[in-house]
Amino acid sequence: MTFQRPRPSPTLRRCPRCKTVGRMYRSHARNVFERWMKLFSPTLVLYRCHHCNWRGYMFRRFKQQSRLAFWLTLLGGAAGVVLGIVAGAWLLLHIVALLVGR
């Protein structure tokens, strides 16, 4: 008798391409970008539709108790974007000042 892993159950999500329900499965990260997204974006999850073979990110469904975690993640992501823009502008201004010879 051989051990067989149980097949993962599909989610009851609707596929964005073919609109079927019950054929969406979690998908594994395939490259560095997808691993990075998995690590730093806990609200986005990779899914694959077994009906039309669509593969992409969808928002994770949160239970009532974890809505705070969702909003904190969203706020942290927005703060990261703003901080990146400010740091980029500061760096650009300093590079221009060096080139001009201030």
PDB file of N, CA and C in Angstrom:
ATOM      1  N   MET A   1       0.851  -1.179   0.000  1.00  0.00           N
ATOM      2  CA  MET A   1       0.000   0.000   0.000  1.00  0.00           C
ATOM      3  C   MET A   1       0.894   1.240   0.000  1.00  0.00           C
ATOM      4  N   THR A   2       0.672   2.134  -0.925  1.00  0.00           N
ATOM      5  CA  THR A   2       1.468   3.343  -1.016  1.00  0.00           C
ATOM      6  C   THR A   2       0.681   4.512  -0.444  1.00  0.00           C
ATOM      7  N   PHE A   3       1.433   5.437   0.092  1.00  0.00           N
ATOM      8  CA  PHE A   3       0.814   6.633   0.667  1.00  0.00           C
ATOM      9  C   PHE A   3       0.534   7.640  -0.436  1.00  0.00           C
ATOM     10  N   GLN A   4      -0.683   8.116  -0.530  1.00  0.00           N
ATOM     11  CA  GLN A   4      -1.037   9.134  -1.507  1.00  0.00           C
ATOM     12  C   GLN A   4      -1.450  10.392  -0.770  1.00  0.00           C
ATOM     13  N   ARG A   5      -0.869  11.498  -1.212  1.00  0.00           N
ATOM     14  CA  ARG A   5      -1.234  12.775  -0.604  1.00  0.00           C
ATOM     15  C   ARG A   5      -2.649  13.141  -1.002  1.00  0.00           C
ATOM     16  N   PRO A   6      -3.407  13.684  -0.070  1.00  0.00           N
ATOM     17  CA  PRO A   6      -4.751  14.107  -0.445  1.00  0.00           C
ATOM     18  C   PRO A   6      -4.684  15.288  -1.401  1.00  0.00           C
ATOM     19  N   ARG A   7      -5.578  15.304  -2.341  1.00  0.00           N
ATOM     20  CA  ARG A   7      -5.616  16.387  -3.318  1.00  0.00           C
ATOM     21  C   ARG A   7      -6.114  17.662  -2.639  1.00  0.00           C
ATOM     22  N   PRO A   8      -5.459  18.804  -2.900  1.00  0.00           N
ATOM     23  CA  PRO A   8      -5.925  20.040  -2.260  1.00  0.00           C
ATOM     24  C   PRO A   8      -7.329  20.398  -2.737  1.00  0.00           C
ATOM     25  N   SER A   9      -8.092  20.931  -1.841  1.00  0.00           N
ATOM     26  CA  SER A   9      -9.460  21.283  -2.215  1.00  0.00           C
ATOM     27  C   SER A   9      -9.487  22.645  -2.902  1.00  0.00           C
ATOM     28  N   PRO A  10     -10.328  22.776  -3.901  1.00  0.00           N
ATOM     29  CA  PRO A  10     -10.422  24.063  -4.588  1.00  0.00           C
ATOM     30  C   PRO A  10     -11.145  25.082  -3.721  1.00  0.00           C
ATOM     31  N   THR A  11     -10.873  26.331  -3.979  1.00  0.00           N
ATOM     32  CA  THR A  11     -11.599  27.377  -3.270  1.00  0.00           C
ATOM     33  C   THR A  11     -12.875  27.678  -4.034  1.00  0.00           C
ATOM     34  N   LEU A  12     -13.784  28.329  -3.405  1.00  0.00           N
ATOM     35  CA  LEU A  12     -15.035  28.682  -4.065  1.00  0.00           C
ATOM     36  C   LEU A  12     -14.948  30.066  -4.700  1.00  0.00           C
ATOM     37  N   ARG A  13     -13.772  30.392  -5.189  1.00  0.00           N
ATOM     38  CA  ARG A  13     -13.580  31.666  -5.865  1.00  0.00           C
ATOM     39  C   ARG A  13     -13.964  31.539  -7.323  1.00  0.00           C
ATOM     40  N   ARG A  14     -14.317  32.679  -7.905  1.00  0.00           N
ATOM     41  CA  ARG A  14     -14.680  32.730  -9.319  1.00  0.00           C
ATOM     42  C   ARG A  14     -13.447  33.123 -10.131  1.00  0.00           C
ATOM     43  N   CYS A  15     -13.181  32.391 -11.196  1.00  0.00           N
ATOM     44  CA  CYS A  15     -12.043  32.689 -12.064  1.00  0.00           C
ATOM     45  C   CYS A  15     -12.299  34.013 -12.793  1.00  0.00           C
ATOM     46  N   PRO A  16     -11.306  34.924 -12.807  1.00  0.00           N
ATOM     47  CA  PRO A  16     -11.507  36.209 -13.492  1.00  0.00           C
ATOM     48  C   PRO A  16     -11.635  36.071 -15.010  1.00  0.00           C
ATOM     49  N   ARG A  17     -11.099  34.998 -15.588  1.00  0.00           N
ATOM     50  CA  ARG A  17     -11.145  34.847 -17.042  1.00  0.00           C
ATOM     51  C   ARG A  17     -12.395  34.101 -17.503  1.00  0.00           C
ATOM     52  N   CYS A  18     -12.604  32.884 -16.998  1.00  0.00           N
ATOM     53  CA  CYS A  18     -13.704  32.055 -17.518  1.00  0.00           C
ATOM     54  C   CYS A  18     -14.946  32.056 -16.627  1.00  0.00           C
ATOM     55  N   LYS A  19     -14.856  32.668 -15.457  1.00  0.00           N
ATOM     56  CA  LYS A  19     -15.979  32.849 -14.520  1.00  0.00           C
ATOM     57  C   LYS A  19     -16.498  31.549 -13.914  1.00  0.00           C
ATOM     58  N   THR A  20     -15.753  30.433 -14.008  1.00  0.00           N
ATOM     59  CA  THR A  20     -16.199  29.205 -13.364  1.00  0.00           C
ATOM     60  C   THR A  20     -15.889  29.268 -11.864  1.00  0.00           C
ATOM     61  N   VAL A  21     -16.672  28.549 -11.087  1.00  0.00           N
ATOM     62  CA  VAL A  21     -16.507  28.525  -9.635  1.00  0.00           C
ATOM     63  C   VAL A  21     -16.092  27.113  -9.228  1.00  0.00           C
ATOM     64  N   GLY A  22     -15.166  27.015  -8.273  1.00  0.00           N
ATOM     65  CA  GLY A  22     -14.771  25.718  -7.747  1.00  0.00           C
ATOM     66  C   GLY A  22     -13.622  25.059  -8.476  1.00  0.00           C
ATOM     67  N   ARG A  23     -12.963  25.774  -9.364  1.00  0.00           N
ATOM     68  CA  ARG A  23     -11.819  25.207 -10.085  1.00  0.00           C
ATOM     69  C   ARG A  23     -10.537  25.971  -9.806  1.00  0.00           C
ATOM     70  N   MET A  24     -10.548  26.861  -8.806  1.00  0.00           N
ATOM     71  CA  MET A  24      -9.380  27.671  -8.467  1.00  0.00           C
ATOM     72  C   MET A  24      -8.581  26.970  -7.362  1.00  0.00           C
ATOM     73  N   TYR A  25      -7.287  26.758  -7.621  1.00  0.00           N
ATOM     74  CA  TYR A  25      -6.388  26.134  -6.657  1.00  0.00           C
ATOM     75  C   TYR A  25      -5.233  27.081  -6.373  1.00  0.00           C
ATOM     76  N   ARG A  26      -4.659  26.966  -5.191  1.00  0.00           N
ATOM     77  CA  ARG A  26      -3.458  27.739  -4.873  1.00  0.00           C
ATOM     78  C   ARG A  26      -2.333  27.288  -5.781  1.00  0.00           C
ATOM     79  N   SER A  27      -1.492  28.233  -6.206  1.00  0.00           N
ATOM     80  CA  SER A  27      -0.384  27.927  -7.095  1.00  0.00           C
ATOM     81  C   SER A  27       0.936  28.200  -6.385  1.00  0.00           C
ATOM     82  N   HIS A  28       1.980  27.469  -6.754  1.00  0.00           N
ATOM     83  CA  HIS A  28       3.305  27.648  -6.159  1.00  0.00           C
ATOM     84  C   HIS A  28       4.042  28.789  -6.842  1.00  0.00           C
ATOM     85  N   ALA A  29       4.905  29.454  -6.088  1.00  0.00           N
ATOM     86  CA  ALA A  29       5.761  30.504  -6.653  1.00  0.00           C
ATOM     87  C   ALA A  29       6.787  29.844  -7.575  1.00  0.00           C
ATOM     88  N   ARG A  30       6.975  30.421  -8.764  1.00  0.00           N
ATOM     89  CA  ARG A  30       7.864  29.820  -9.754  1.00  0.00           C
ATOM     90  C   ARG A  30       9.197  30.527  -9.923  1.00  0.00           C
ATOM     91  N   ASN A  31       9.266  31.802  -9.583  1.00  0.00           N
ATOM     92  CA  ASN A  31      10.512  32.539  -9.805  1.00  0.00           C
ATOM     93  C   ASN A  31      10.779  33.471  -8.630  1.00  0.00           C
ATOM     94  N   VAL A  32      11.843  34.233  -8.737  1.00  0.00           N
ATOM     95  CA  VAL A  32      12.275  35.113  -7.640  1.00  0.00           C
ATOM     96  C   VAL A  32      11.220  36.178  -7.347  1.00  0.00           C
ATOM     97  N   PHE A  33      10.639  36.765  -8.403  1.00  0.00           N
ATOM     98  CA  PHE A  33       9.631  37.803  -8.195  1.00  0.00           C
ATOM     99  C   PHE A  33       8.425  37.250  -7.422  1.00  0.00           C
ATOM    100  N   GLU A  34       7.971  36.074  -7.803  1.00  0.00           N
ATOM    101  CA  GLU A  34       6.807  35.489  -7.125  1.00  0.00           C
ATOM    102  C   GLU A  34       7.127  35.106  -5.679  1.00  0.00           C
ATOM    103  N   ARG A  35       8.356  34.664  -5.432  1.00  0.00           N
ATOM    104  CA  ARG A  35       8.756  34.369  -4.044  1.00  0.00           C
ATOM    105  C   ARG A  35       8.819  35.652  -3.225  1.00  0.00           C
ATOM    106  N   TRP A  36       9.309  36.718  -3.840  1.00  0.00           N
ATOM    107  CA  TRP A  36       9.379  38.017  -3.174  1.00  0.00           C
ATOM    108  C   TRP A  36       7.974  38.508  -2.846  1.00  0.00           C
ATOM    109  N   MET A  37       7.048  38.380  -3.799  1.00  0.00           N
ATOM    110  CA  MET A  37       5.658  38.795  -3.565  1.00  0.00           C
ATOM    111  C   MET A  37       5.033  37.969  -2.438  1.00  0.00           C
ATOM    112  N   LYS A  38       5.338  36.689  -2.406  1.00  0.00           N
ATOM    113  CA  LYS A  38       4.792  35.824  -1.364  1.00  0.00           C
ATOM    114  C   LYS A  38       5.309  36.219   0.012  1.00  0.00           C
ATOM    115  N   LEU A  39       6.567  36.631   0.053  1.00  0.00           N
ATOM    116  CA  LEU A  39       7.183  36.989   1.320  1.00  0.00           C
ATOM    117  C   LEU A  39       6.708  38.347   1.824  1.00  0.00           C
ATOM    118  N   PHE A  40       6.631  39.341   0.931  1.00  0.00           N
ATOM    119  CA  PHE A  40       6.352  40.708   1.359  1.00  0.00           C
ATOM    120  C   PHE A  40       4.915  41.163   1.150  1.00  0.00           C
ATOM    121  N   SER A  41       4.092  40.351   0.557  1.00  0.00           N
ATOM    122  CA  SER A  41       2.700  40.740   0.356  1.00  0.00           C
ATOM    123  C   SER A  41       1.773  39.633   0.832  1.00  0.00           C
ATOM    124  N   PRO A  42       1.508  39.582   2.123  1.00  0.00           N
ATOM    125  CA  PRO A  42       0.668  38.505   2.637  1.00  0.00           C
ATOM    126  C   PRO A  42      -0.793  38.609   2.222  1.00  0.00           C
ATOM    127  N   THR A  43      -1.208  39.722   1.640  1.00  0.00           N
ATOM    128  CA  THR A  43      -2.606  39.861   1.226  1.00  0.00           C
ATOM    129  C   THR A  43      -2.856  39.327  -0.178  1.00  0.00           C
ATOM    130  N   LEU A  44      -1.802  39.166  -0.999  1.00  0.00           N
ATOM    131  CA  LEU A  44      -1.961  38.637  -2.350  1.00  0.00           C
ATOM    132  C   LEU A  44      -1.496  37.184  -2.398  1.00  0.00           C
ATOM    133  N   VAL A  45      -2.296  36.334  -3.030  1.00  0.00           N
ATOM    134  CA  VAL A  45      -2.001  34.910  -3.100  1.00  0.00           C
ATOM    135  C   VAL A  45      -2.113  34.466  -4.556  1.00  0.00           C
ATOM    136  N   LEU A  46      -1.200  33.590  -4.995  1.00  0.00           N
ATOM    137  CA  LEU A  46      -1.234  33.045  -6.357  1.00  0.00           C
ATOM    138  C   LEU A  46      -2.286  31.950  -6.470  1.00  0.00           C
ATOM    139  N   TYR A  47      -3.108  32.020  -7.529  1.00  0.00           N
ATOM    140  CA  TYR A  47      -4.104  30.993  -7.803  1.00  0.00           C
ATOM    141  C   TYR A  47      -3.990  30.554  -9.253  1.00  0.00           C
ATOM    142  N   ARG A  48      -4.484  29.337  -9.531  1.00  0.00           N
ATOM    143  CA  ARG A  48      -4.570  28.833 -10.899  1.00  0.00           C
ATOM    144  C   ARG A  48      -5.955  28.228 -11.092  1.00  0.00           C
ATOM    145  N   CYS A  49      -6.538  28.527 -12.251  1.00  0.00           N
ATOM    146  CA  CYS A  49      -7.821  27.939 -12.618  1.00  0.00           C
ATOM    147  C   CYS A  49      -7.538  26.660 -13.405  1.00  0.00           C
ATOM    148  N   HIS A  50      -8.081  25.539 -12.952  1.00  0.00           N
ATOM    149  CA  HIS A  50      -7.865  24.275 -13.647  1.00  0.00           C
ATOM    150  C   HIS A  50      -8.786  24.118 -14.849  1.00  0.00           C
ATOM    151  N   HIS A  51      -9.682  25.061 -15.060  1.00  0.00           N
ATOM    152  CA  HIS A  51     -10.575  24.996 -16.214  1.00  0.00           C
ATOM    153  C   HIS A  51      -9.972  25.705 -17.427  1.00  0.00           C
ATOM    154  N   CYS A  52      -9.490  26.940 -17.244  1.00  0.00           N
ATOM    155  CA  CYS A  52      -8.952  27.712 -18.380  1.00  0.00           C
ATOM    156  C   CYS A  52      -7.449  27.958 -18.273  1.00  0.00           C
ATOM    157  N   ASN A  53      -6.818  27.481 -17.193  1.00  0.00           N
ATOM    158  CA  ASN A  53      -5.379  27.603 -16.965  1.00  0.00           C
ATOM    159  C   ASN A  53      -4.931  29.038 -16.661  1.00  0.00           C
ATOM    160  N   TRP A  54      -5.857  29.925 -16.250  1.00  0.00           N
ATOM    161  CA  TRP A  54      -5.482  31.274 -15.826  1.00  0.00           C
ATOM    162  C   TRP A  54      -4.651  31.152 -14.557  1.00  0.00           C
ATOM    163  N   ARG A  55      -3.636  31.990 -14.446  1.00  0.00           N
ATOM    164  CA  ARG A  55      -2.794  31.997 -13.249  1.00  0.00           C
ATOM    165  C   ARG A  55      -2.492  33.441 -12.889  1.00  0.00           C
ATOM    166  N   GLY A  56      -2.722  33.802 -11.631  1.00  0.00           N
ATOM    167  CA  GLY A  56      -2.454  35.167 -11.219  1.00  0.00           C
ATOM    168  C   GLY A  56      -2.735  35.380  -9.740  1.00  0.00           C
ATOM    169  N   TYR A  57      -2.612  36.637  -9.340  1.00  0.00           N
ATOM    170  CA  TYR A  57      -2.782  36.998  -7.934  1.00  0.00           C
ATOM    171  C   TYR A  57      -4.214  37.396  -7.647  1.00  0.00           C
ATOM    172  N   MET A  58      -4.677  36.996  -6.478  1.00  0.00           N
ATOM    173  CA  MET A  58      -5.973  37.425  -5.967  1.00  0.00           C
ATOM    174  C   MET A  58      -5.778  37.776  -4.501  1.00  0.00           C
ATOM    175  N   PHE A  59      -6.633  38.651  -4.000  1.00  0.00           N
ATOM    176  CA  PHE A  59      -6.543  39.012  -2.587  1.00  0.00           C
ATOM    177  C   PHE A  59      -6.980  37.840  -1.725  1.00  0.00           C
ATOM    178  N   ARG A  60      -6.253  37.646  -0.640  1.00  0.00           N
ATOM    179  CA  ARG A  60      -6.585  36.609   0.333  1.00  0.00           C
ATOM    180  C   ARG A  60      -7.876  37.024   1.030  1.00  0.00           C
ATOM    181  N   ARG A  61      -8.708  36.053   1.296  1.00  0.00           N
ATOM    182  CA  ARG A  61      -9.934  36.332   2.052  1.00  0.00           C
ATOM    183  C   ARG A  61      -9.598  36.333   3.538  1.00  0.00           C
ATOM    184  N   PHE A  62     -10.069  37.344   4.217  1.00  0.00           N
ATOM    185  CA  PHE A  62      -9.774  37.486   5.633  1.00  0.00           C
ATOM    186  C   PHE A  62     -11.007  37.214   6.472  1.00  0.00           C
ATOM    187  N   LYS A  63     -10.761  36.578   7.599  1.00  0.00           N
ATOM    188  CA  LYS A  63     -11.829  36.383   8.557  1.00  0.00           C
ATOM    189  C   LYS A  63     -12.020  37.691   9.315  1.00  0.00           C
ATOM    190  N   GLN A  64     -13.107  37.782  10.025  1.00  0.00           N
ATOM    191  CA  GLN A  64     -13.420  39.002  10.761  1.00  0.00           C
ATOM    192  C   GLN A  64     -12.310  39.378  11.735  1.00  0.00           C
ATOM    193  N   GLN A  65     -11.678  38.382  12.381  1.00  0.00           N
ATOM    194  CA  GLN A  65     -10.657  38.665  13.379  1.00  0.00           C
ATOM    195  C   GLN A  65      -9.383  39.223  12.744  1.00  0.00           C
ATOM    196  N   SER A  66      -9.136  38.918  11.484  1.00  0.00           N
ATOM    197  CA  SER A  66      -7.877  39.335  10.879  1.00  0.00           C
ATOM    198  C   SER A  66      -8.025  40.539   9.946  1.00  0.00           C
ATOM    199  N   ARG A  67      -9.135  41.219   9.997  1.00  0.00           N
ATOM    200  CA  ARG A  67      -9.289  42.433   9.183  1.00  0.00           C
ATOM    201  C   ARG A  67      -8.272  43.499   9.594  1.00  0.00           C
ATOM    202  N   LEU A  68      -7.933  43.523  10.873  1.00  0.00           N
ATOM    203  CA  LEU A  68      -6.917  44.453  11.348  1.00  0.00           C
ATOM    204  C   LEU A  68      -5.583  44.163  10.659  1.00  0.00           C
ATOM    205  N   ALA A  69      -5.246  42.885  10.517  1.00  0.00           N
ATOM    206  CA  ALA A  69      -3.999  42.517   9.826  1.00  0.00           C
ATOM    207  C   ALA A  69      -4.041  42.975   8.370  1.00  0.00           C
ATOM    208  N   PHE A  70      -5.190  42.866   7.718  1.00  0.00           N
ATOM    209  CA  PHE A  70      -5.336  43.314   6.335  1.00  0.00           C
ATOM    210  C   PHE A  70      -5.073  44.812   6.222  1.00  0.00           C
ATOM    211  N   TRP A  71      -5.705  45.599   7.083  1.00  0.00           N
ATOM    212  CA  TRP A  71      -5.548  47.053   7.012  1.00  0.00           C
ATOM    213  C   TRP A  71      -4.139  47.484   7.397  1.00  0.00           C
ATOM    214  N   LEU A  72      -3.526  46.799   8.357  1.00  0.00           N
ATOM    215  CA  LEU A  72      -2.145  47.123   8.706  1.00  0.00           C
ATOM    216  C   LEU A  72      -1.195  46.807   7.554  1.00  0.00           C
ATOM    217  N   THR A  73      -1.434  45.710   6.840  1.00  0.00           N
ATOM    218  CA  THR A  73      -0.617  45.365   5.676  1.00  0.00           C
ATOM    219  C   THR A  73      -0.798  46.393   4.578  1.00  0.00           C
ATOM    220  N   LEU A  74      -2.035  46.789   4.335  1.00  0.00           N
ATOM    221  CA  LEU A  74      -2.311  47.794   3.311  1.00  0.00           C
ATOM    222  C   LEU A  74      -1.672  49.126   3.665  1.00  0.00           C
ATOM    223  N   LEU A  75      -1.771  49.516   4.923  1.00  0.00           N
ATOM    224  CA  LEU A  75      -1.161  50.763   5.379  1.00  0.00           C
ATOM    225  C   LEU A  75       0.357  50.689   5.273  1.00  0.00           C
ATOM    226  N   GLY A  76       0.945  49.553   5.647  1.00  0.00           N
ATOM    227  CA  GLY A  76       2.389  49.387   5.537  1.00  0.00           C
ATOM    228  C   GLY A  76       2.863  49.450   4.091  1.00  0.00           C
ATOM    229  N   GLY A  77       2.104  48.855   3.174  1.00  0.00           N
ATOM    230  CA  GLY A  77       2.453  48.916   1.761  1.00  0.00           C
ATOM    231  C   GLY A  77       2.384  50.340   1.218  1.00  0.00           C
ATOM    232  N   ALA A  78       1.341  51.081   1.600  1.00  0.00           N
ATOM    233  CA  ALA A  78       1.214  52.467   1.162  1.00  0.00           C
ATOM    234  C   ALA A  78       2.342  53.328   1.728  1.00  0.00           C
ATOM    235  N   ALA A  79       2.685  53.092   2.990  1.00  0.00           N
ATOM    236  CA  ALA A  79       3.794  53.836   3.592  1.00  0.00           C
ATOM    237  C   ALA A  79       5.110  53.513   2.893  1.00  0.00           C
ATOM    238  N   GLY A  80       5.295  52.259   2.498  1.00  0.00           N
ATOM    239  CA  GLY A  80       6.497  51.874   1.767  1.00  0.00           C
ATOM    240  C   GLY A  80       6.604  52.552   0.421  1.00  0.00           C
ATOM    241  N   VAL A  81       5.482  52.673  -0.281  1.00  0.00           N
ATOM    242  CA  VAL A  81       5.474  53.352  -1.580  1.00  0.00           C
ATOM    243  C   VAL A  81       5.808  54.827  -1.405  1.00  0.00           C
ATOM    244  N   VAL A  82       5.180  55.484  -0.441  1.00  0.00           N
ATOM    245  CA  VAL A  82       5.448  56.904  -0.193  1.00  0.00           C
ATOM    246  C   VAL A  82       6.908  57.107   0.206  1.00  0.00           C
ATOM    247  N   LEU A  83       7.407  56.262   1.071  1.00  0.00           N
ATOM    248  CA  LEU A  83       8.801  56.362   1.499  1.00  0.00           C
ATOM    249  C   LEU A  83       9.754  56.157   0.318  1.00  0.00           C
ATOM    250  N   GLY A  84       9.436  55.231  -0.568  1.00  0.00           N
ATOM    251  CA  GLY A  84      10.256  55.003  -1.756  1.00  0.00           C
ATOM    252  C   GLY A  84      10.273  56.203  -2.683  1.00  0.00           C
ATOM    253  N   ILE A  85       9.130  56.844  -2.856  1.00  0.00           N
ATOM    254  CA  ILE A  85       9.048  58.038  -3.713  1.00  0.00           C
ATOM    255  C   ILE A  85       9.852  59.180  -3.105  1.00  0.00           C
ATOM    256  N   VAL A  86       9.715  59.394  -1.806  1.00  0.00           N
ATOM    257  CA  VAL A  86      10.453  60.466  -1.137  1.00  0.00           C
ATOM    258  C   VAL A  86      11.956  60.208  -1.205  1.00  0.00           C
ATOM    259  N   ALA A  87      12.382  58.969  -0.946  1.00  0.00           N
ATOM    260  CA  ALA A  87      13.808  58.645  -1.001  1.00  0.00           C
ATOM    261  C   ALA A  87      14.346  58.801  -2.423  1.00  0.00           C
ATOM    262  N   GLY A  88      13.572  58.403  -3.426  1.00  0.00           N
ATOM    263  CA  GLY A  88      13.989  58.562  -4.812  1.00  0.00           C
ATOM    264  C   GLY A  88      14.126  60.013  -5.209  1.00  0.00           C
ATOM    265  N   ALA A  89      13.175  60.847  -4.782  1.00  0.00           N
ATOM    266  CA  ALA A  89      13.250  62.276  -5.086  1.00  0.00           C
ATOM    267  C   ALA A  89      14.446  62.920  -4.404  1.00  0.00           C
ATOM    268  N   TRP A  90      14.695  62.556  -3.146  1.00  0.00           N
ATOM    269  CA  TRP A  90      15.840  63.095  -2.420  1.00  0.00           C
ATOM    270  C   TRP A  90      17.139  62.707  -3.111  1.00  0.00           C
ATOM    271  N   LEU A  91      17.250  61.450  -3.503  1.00  0.00           N
ATOM    272  CA  LEU A  91      18.457  60.977  -4.182  1.00  0.00           C
ATOM    273  C   LEU A  91      18.638  61.675  -5.525  1.00  0.00           C
ATOM    274  N   LEU A  92      17.554  61.840  -6.264  1.00  0.00           N
ATOM    275  CA  LEU A  92      17.626  62.524  -7.557  1.00  0.00           C
ATOM    276  C   LEU A  92      18.085  63.973  -7.391  1.00  0.00           C
ATOM    277  N   LEU A  93      17.557  64.665  -6.386  1.00  0.00           N
ATOM    278  CA  LEU A  93      17.975  66.042  -6.145  1.00  0.00           C
ATOM    279  C   LEU A  93      19.456  66.144  -5.796  1.00  0.00           C
ATOM    280  N   HIS A  94      19.961  65.208  -5.001  1.00  0.00           N
ATOM    281  CA  HIS A  94      21.375  65.226  -4.637  1.00  0.00           C
ATOM    282  C   HIS A  94      22.277  64.882  -5.815  1.00  0.00           C
ATOM    283  N   ILE A  95      21.847  63.992  -6.672  1.00  0.00           N
ATOM    284  CA  ILE A  95      22.636  63.666  -7.865  1.00  0.00           C
ATOM    285  C   ILE A  95      22.696  64.859  -8.806  1.00  0.00           C
ATOM    286  N   VAL A  96      21.564  65.530  -9.000  1.00  0.00           N
ATOM    287  CA  VAL A  96      21.536  66.712  -9.861  1.00  0.00           C
ATOM    288  C   VAL A  96      22.417  67.812  -9.275  1.00  0.00           C
ATOM    289  N   ALA A  97      22.379  67.985  -7.957  1.00  0.00           N
ATOM    290  CA  ALA A  97      23.214  69.008  -7.310  1.00  0.00           C
ATOM    291  C   ALA A  97      24.696  68.691  -7.491  1.00  0.00           C
ATOM    292  N   LEU A  98      25.071  67.427  -7.432  1.00  0.00           N
ATOM    293  CA  LEU A  98      26.465  67.047  -7.655  1.00  0.00           C
ATOM    294  C   LEU A  98      26.890  67.286  -9.099  1.00  0.00           C
ATOM    295  N   LEU A  99      25.999  67.002 -10.036  1.00  0.00           N
ATOM    296  CA  LEU A  99      26.330  67.186 -11.448  1.00  0.00           C
ATOM    297  C   LEU A  99      26.427  68.664 -11.827  1.00  0.00           C
ATOM    298  N   VAL A 100      25.582  69.472 -11.227  1.00  0.00           N
ATOM    299  CA  VAL A 100      25.602  70.909 -11.514  1.00  0.00           C
ATOM    300  C   VAL A 100      26.825  71.557 -10.871  1.00  0.00           C
ATOM    301  N   GLY A 101      27.300  71.000  -9.788  1.00  0.00           N
ATOM    302  CA  GLY A 101      28.483  71.534  -9.113  1.00  0.00           C
ATOM    303  C   GLY A 101      28.147  72.623  -8.126  1.00  0.00           C
ATOM    304  N   ARG A 102      27.199  72.420  -7.367  1.00  0.00           N
ATOM    305  CA  ARG A 102      26.697  73.375  -6.373  1.00  0.00           C
ATOM    306  C   ARG A 102      27.694  73.738  -5.378  1.00  0.00           C
TER     307      ARG A 102
END
